Protein backbone atom coordinates (compact mmCIF):
# COMPACT_ATOMS: atom_id res chain seq x y z
CA MET A 1 0.00 0.00 0.00
CA LEU A 2 1.51 3.33 -1.02
CA LEU A 3 0.96 5.90 1.74
CA SER A 4 2.48 9.02 0.26
CA THR A 5 4.76 10.13 -2.51
CA SER A 6 6.02 13.53 -3.54
CA SER A 7 8.86 12.34 -5.76
CA SER A 8 10.51 9.07 -6.65
CA SER A 9 12.99 9.50 -3.78
CA ASN A 10 10.46 10.37 -1.03
CA ILE A 11 8.19 7.37 -0.66
CA ALA A 12 6.56 5.80 2.37
CA PHE A 13 5.67 2.15 2.09
CA GLY A 14 3.29 0.40 4.45
CA GLN A 15 2.45 -3.23 4.77
CA GLN A 16 -0.12 -4.86 7.01
CA GLU A 17 -0.17 -8.60 7.13
CA GLU A 18 -1.52 -11.42 9.22
CA ALA A 19 1.12 -13.25 11.23
CA GLN A 20 1.81 -16.70 9.86
CA THR A 21 1.75 -18.37 13.28
CA SER A 22 -1.07 -16.45 15.00
CA SER A 23 -4.08 -14.27 14.32
CA GLN A 24 -2.25 -11.18 15.68
CA PRO A 25 -1.87 -8.54 12.93
CA HIS A 26 1.56 -7.08 12.18
CA ASP A 27 2.34 -3.72 10.61
CA SER A 28 5.49 -2.35 8.99
CA ILE A 29 6.33 1.00 7.45
CA THR A 30 9.50 2.37 5.87
CA VAL A 31 9.68 6.14 5.43
CA LEU A 32 12.37 7.58 3.16
CA MET A 33 13.02 11.13 4.37
CA GLU A 34 15.76 12.43 2.02
CA GLY A 35 15.20 16.11 1.16
CA LYS A 36 12.26 16.56 3.54
CA THR A 37 12.27 19.79 5.56
CA ILE A 38 11.20 19.86 9.19
CA PRO A 39 10.45 23.46 10.25
CA GLY A 40 11.97 24.70 13.51
CA ASN A 41 10.38 23.24 16.66
CA ASN A 42 8.06 21.14 14.50
CA PHE A 43 7.65 17.49 13.52
CA ILE A 44 6.71 15.02 10.80
CA HIS A 45 4.12 12.48 12.00
CA LEU A 46 5.24 9.00 10.89
CA TYR A 47 2.89 6.46 12.48
CA ASP A 48 -0.47 6.23 14.28
CA SER A 49 -1.98 3.00 15.64
CA THR A 50 -4.95 4.63 17.42
CA PRO A 51 -7.07 3.28 19.06
CA SER A 52 -4.64 0.42 19.84
CA SER A 53 -1.30 1.00 21.47
CA ILE A 54 1.86 -0.78 20.34
CA ALA A 55 2.43 -3.78 22.63
CA ALA A 56 5.58 -4.98 20.85
CA GLY A 57 7.58 -3.46 18.03
CA HIS A 58 10.81 -1.92 16.86
CA VAL A 59 11.95 1.41 15.41
CA ALA A 60 15.17 1.75 13.39
CA ALA A 61 16.17 5.23 12.22
CA HIS A 62 19.02 6.42 10.00
CA LEU A 63 19.29 10.09 11.02
CA PRO A 64 21.66 13.05 10.71
CA CYS A 65 23.99 13.21 13.69
CA ASP A 66 26.71 15.36 15.21
CA SER A 67 30.36 14.35 15.73
CA ASN A 68 29.43 12.74 19.09
CA GLY A 69 26.83 10.47 17.45
CA GLU A 70 23.87 12.45 18.84
CA ALA A 71 20.93 12.68 16.44
CA THR A 72 20.09 16.24 15.36
CA VAL A 73 16.42 15.27 15.09
CA LYS A 74 14.57 13.13 17.64
CA VAL A 75 12.22 10.17 17.25
CA VAL A 76 9.34 10.75 19.68
CA GLY A 77 6.47 8.51 20.71
CA GLY A 78 3.47 8.37 22.99
CA ILE A 79 -0.23 9.12 22.77
CA ALA A 80 -0.61 12.46 20.95
CA PRO A 81 -0.29 15.15 22.06
CA ASP A 82 1.67 13.63 24.99
CA VAL A 83 4.83 12.39 23.25
CA GLY A 84 8.47 12.31 24.30
CA PRO A 85 11.83 11.16 22.95
CA LEU A 86 12.23 7.41 22.51
CA ASN A 87 15.33 5.91 24.15
CA MET A 88 17.14 5.22 20.87
CA THR A 89 20.47 3.35 20.99
CA LEU A 90 23.29 4.20 18.57
CA VAL A 91 24.39 1.36 16.27
CA ASP A 92 28.12 2.14 15.97
CA GLN A 93 28.83 -0.25 13.10
CA MET A 94 26.21 1.45 10.87
CA SER A 95 27.00 5.06 11.79
CA ILE A 96 29.25 7.87 10.56
CA PRO A 97 29.34 10.43 13.41
CA GLY A 98 29.21 13.98 12.07
CA ASN A 99 27.17 12.76 9.11
CA ILE A 100 24.45 10.10 9.54
CA CYS A 101 23.94 7.51 12.28
CA MET A 102 21.77 4.45 12.80
CA TYR A 103 19.66 4.17 15.95
CA HIS A 104 17.15 1.60 17.19
CA VAL A 105 14.74 0.95 20.04
CA ASP A 106 12.38 -1.86 20.98
CA ILE A 107 8.82 -1.02 22.00
CA PRO A 108 7.58 -1.06 24.69
CA GLN A 109 10.24 1.08 26.26
CA GLN A 110 11.57 0.30 29.72
CA ASN A 111 9.53 3.12 31.28
CA GLY A 112 6.27 1.49 30.16
CA THR A 113 5.01 4.46 28.11
CA ASN A 114 2.01 3.58 25.94
CA ILE A 115 2.68 4.44 22.30
CA THR A 116 0.18 4.99 19.49
CA ASP A 117 2.00 7.82 17.69
CA ILE A 118 5.57 8.08 16.40
CA ALA A 119 7.01 11.27 14.91
CA LEU A 120 10.31 12.85 13.88
CA LEU A 121 10.90 16.05 15.86
CA ASN A 122 13.13 19.01 15.03
CA PRO A 123 13.97 20.34 18.53
CA VAL A 124 15.71 23.55 17.37
CA GLU A 125 14.43 26.87 15.98
CA GLN A 126 16.04 26.54 12.53
CA SER A 127 14.51 24.35 9.82
CA ILE A 128 16.37 21.13 9.07
CA ILE A 129 16.61 19.62 5.59
CA LEU A 130 17.13 15.88 5.98
CA PRO A 131 20.17 14.48 4.11
CA VAL A 132 20.57 11.55 1.72
CA ALA A 133 19.82 8.14 3.31
CA THR A 134 17.62 9.53 6.12
CA SER A 135 14.97 6.90 6.83
CA VAL A 136 12.79 5.47 9.59
CA VAL A 137 11.52 1.89 9.75
CA ILE A 138 8.70 1.06 12.17
CA HIS A 139 7.65 -2.54 12.72
CA VAL A 140 4.79 -3.48 15.04
CA SER A 141 4.54 -7.17 15.90
CA GLU A 142 1.73 -6.87 18.47
CA PHE A 143 -1.01 -4.37 19.27
CA ALA A 144 -2.78 -3.89 22.62
CA ALA A 145 -6.45 -2.94 22.68
CA ALA A 146 -7.24 0.51 24.09
CA ALA A 147 -8.84 0.44 27.52
CA GLY A 148 -11.15 3.10 28.91
CA GLY A 149 -10.33 5.82 26.37
CA GLU A 150 -6.62 5.05 26.39
CA GLY A 151 -5.21 5.58 22.93
CA GLU A 152 -7.75 8.20 21.96
CA HIS A 153 -6.36 11.51 20.85
CA THR A 154 -7.57 14.66 22.52
CA ALA A 155 -9.20 17.38 20.47
CA ALA A 156 -6.11 19.55 20.97
CA GLY A 157 -3.97 16.82 19.40
CA HIS A 158 -5.73 16.95 16.04
């Protein structure tokens, strides 16, 4: 399923499939971000599983980084509008500090935060143009049903 396309190099692919060993649905999305601009103190929304939260999954992100291997943009998650930075781990072998670095995180995080929304945040005032090879892959292997309004976005969030 093609989710969006603005040019041949900026394509988001999504795939939803039934697990081969269970009836639990899986979901995967790859977002190619080369050339995209994130305005200052703004974000690009990448994934929304509302009304179900992500019970098990993984995020891998190839992002611009500084010479210390710190990403210059942040992958955030939570239930919109209450989102915060995900605890991404640097993958040294797939990174070039000062250029572009690979990060990953398993969901759920250790702090137990419920996640329905994942976005790429520009935390600074200046706009950022994402470089060649910037991408985010989100794979959900298990969803949890929303309970008592959990997972519903507030009116201010949309």
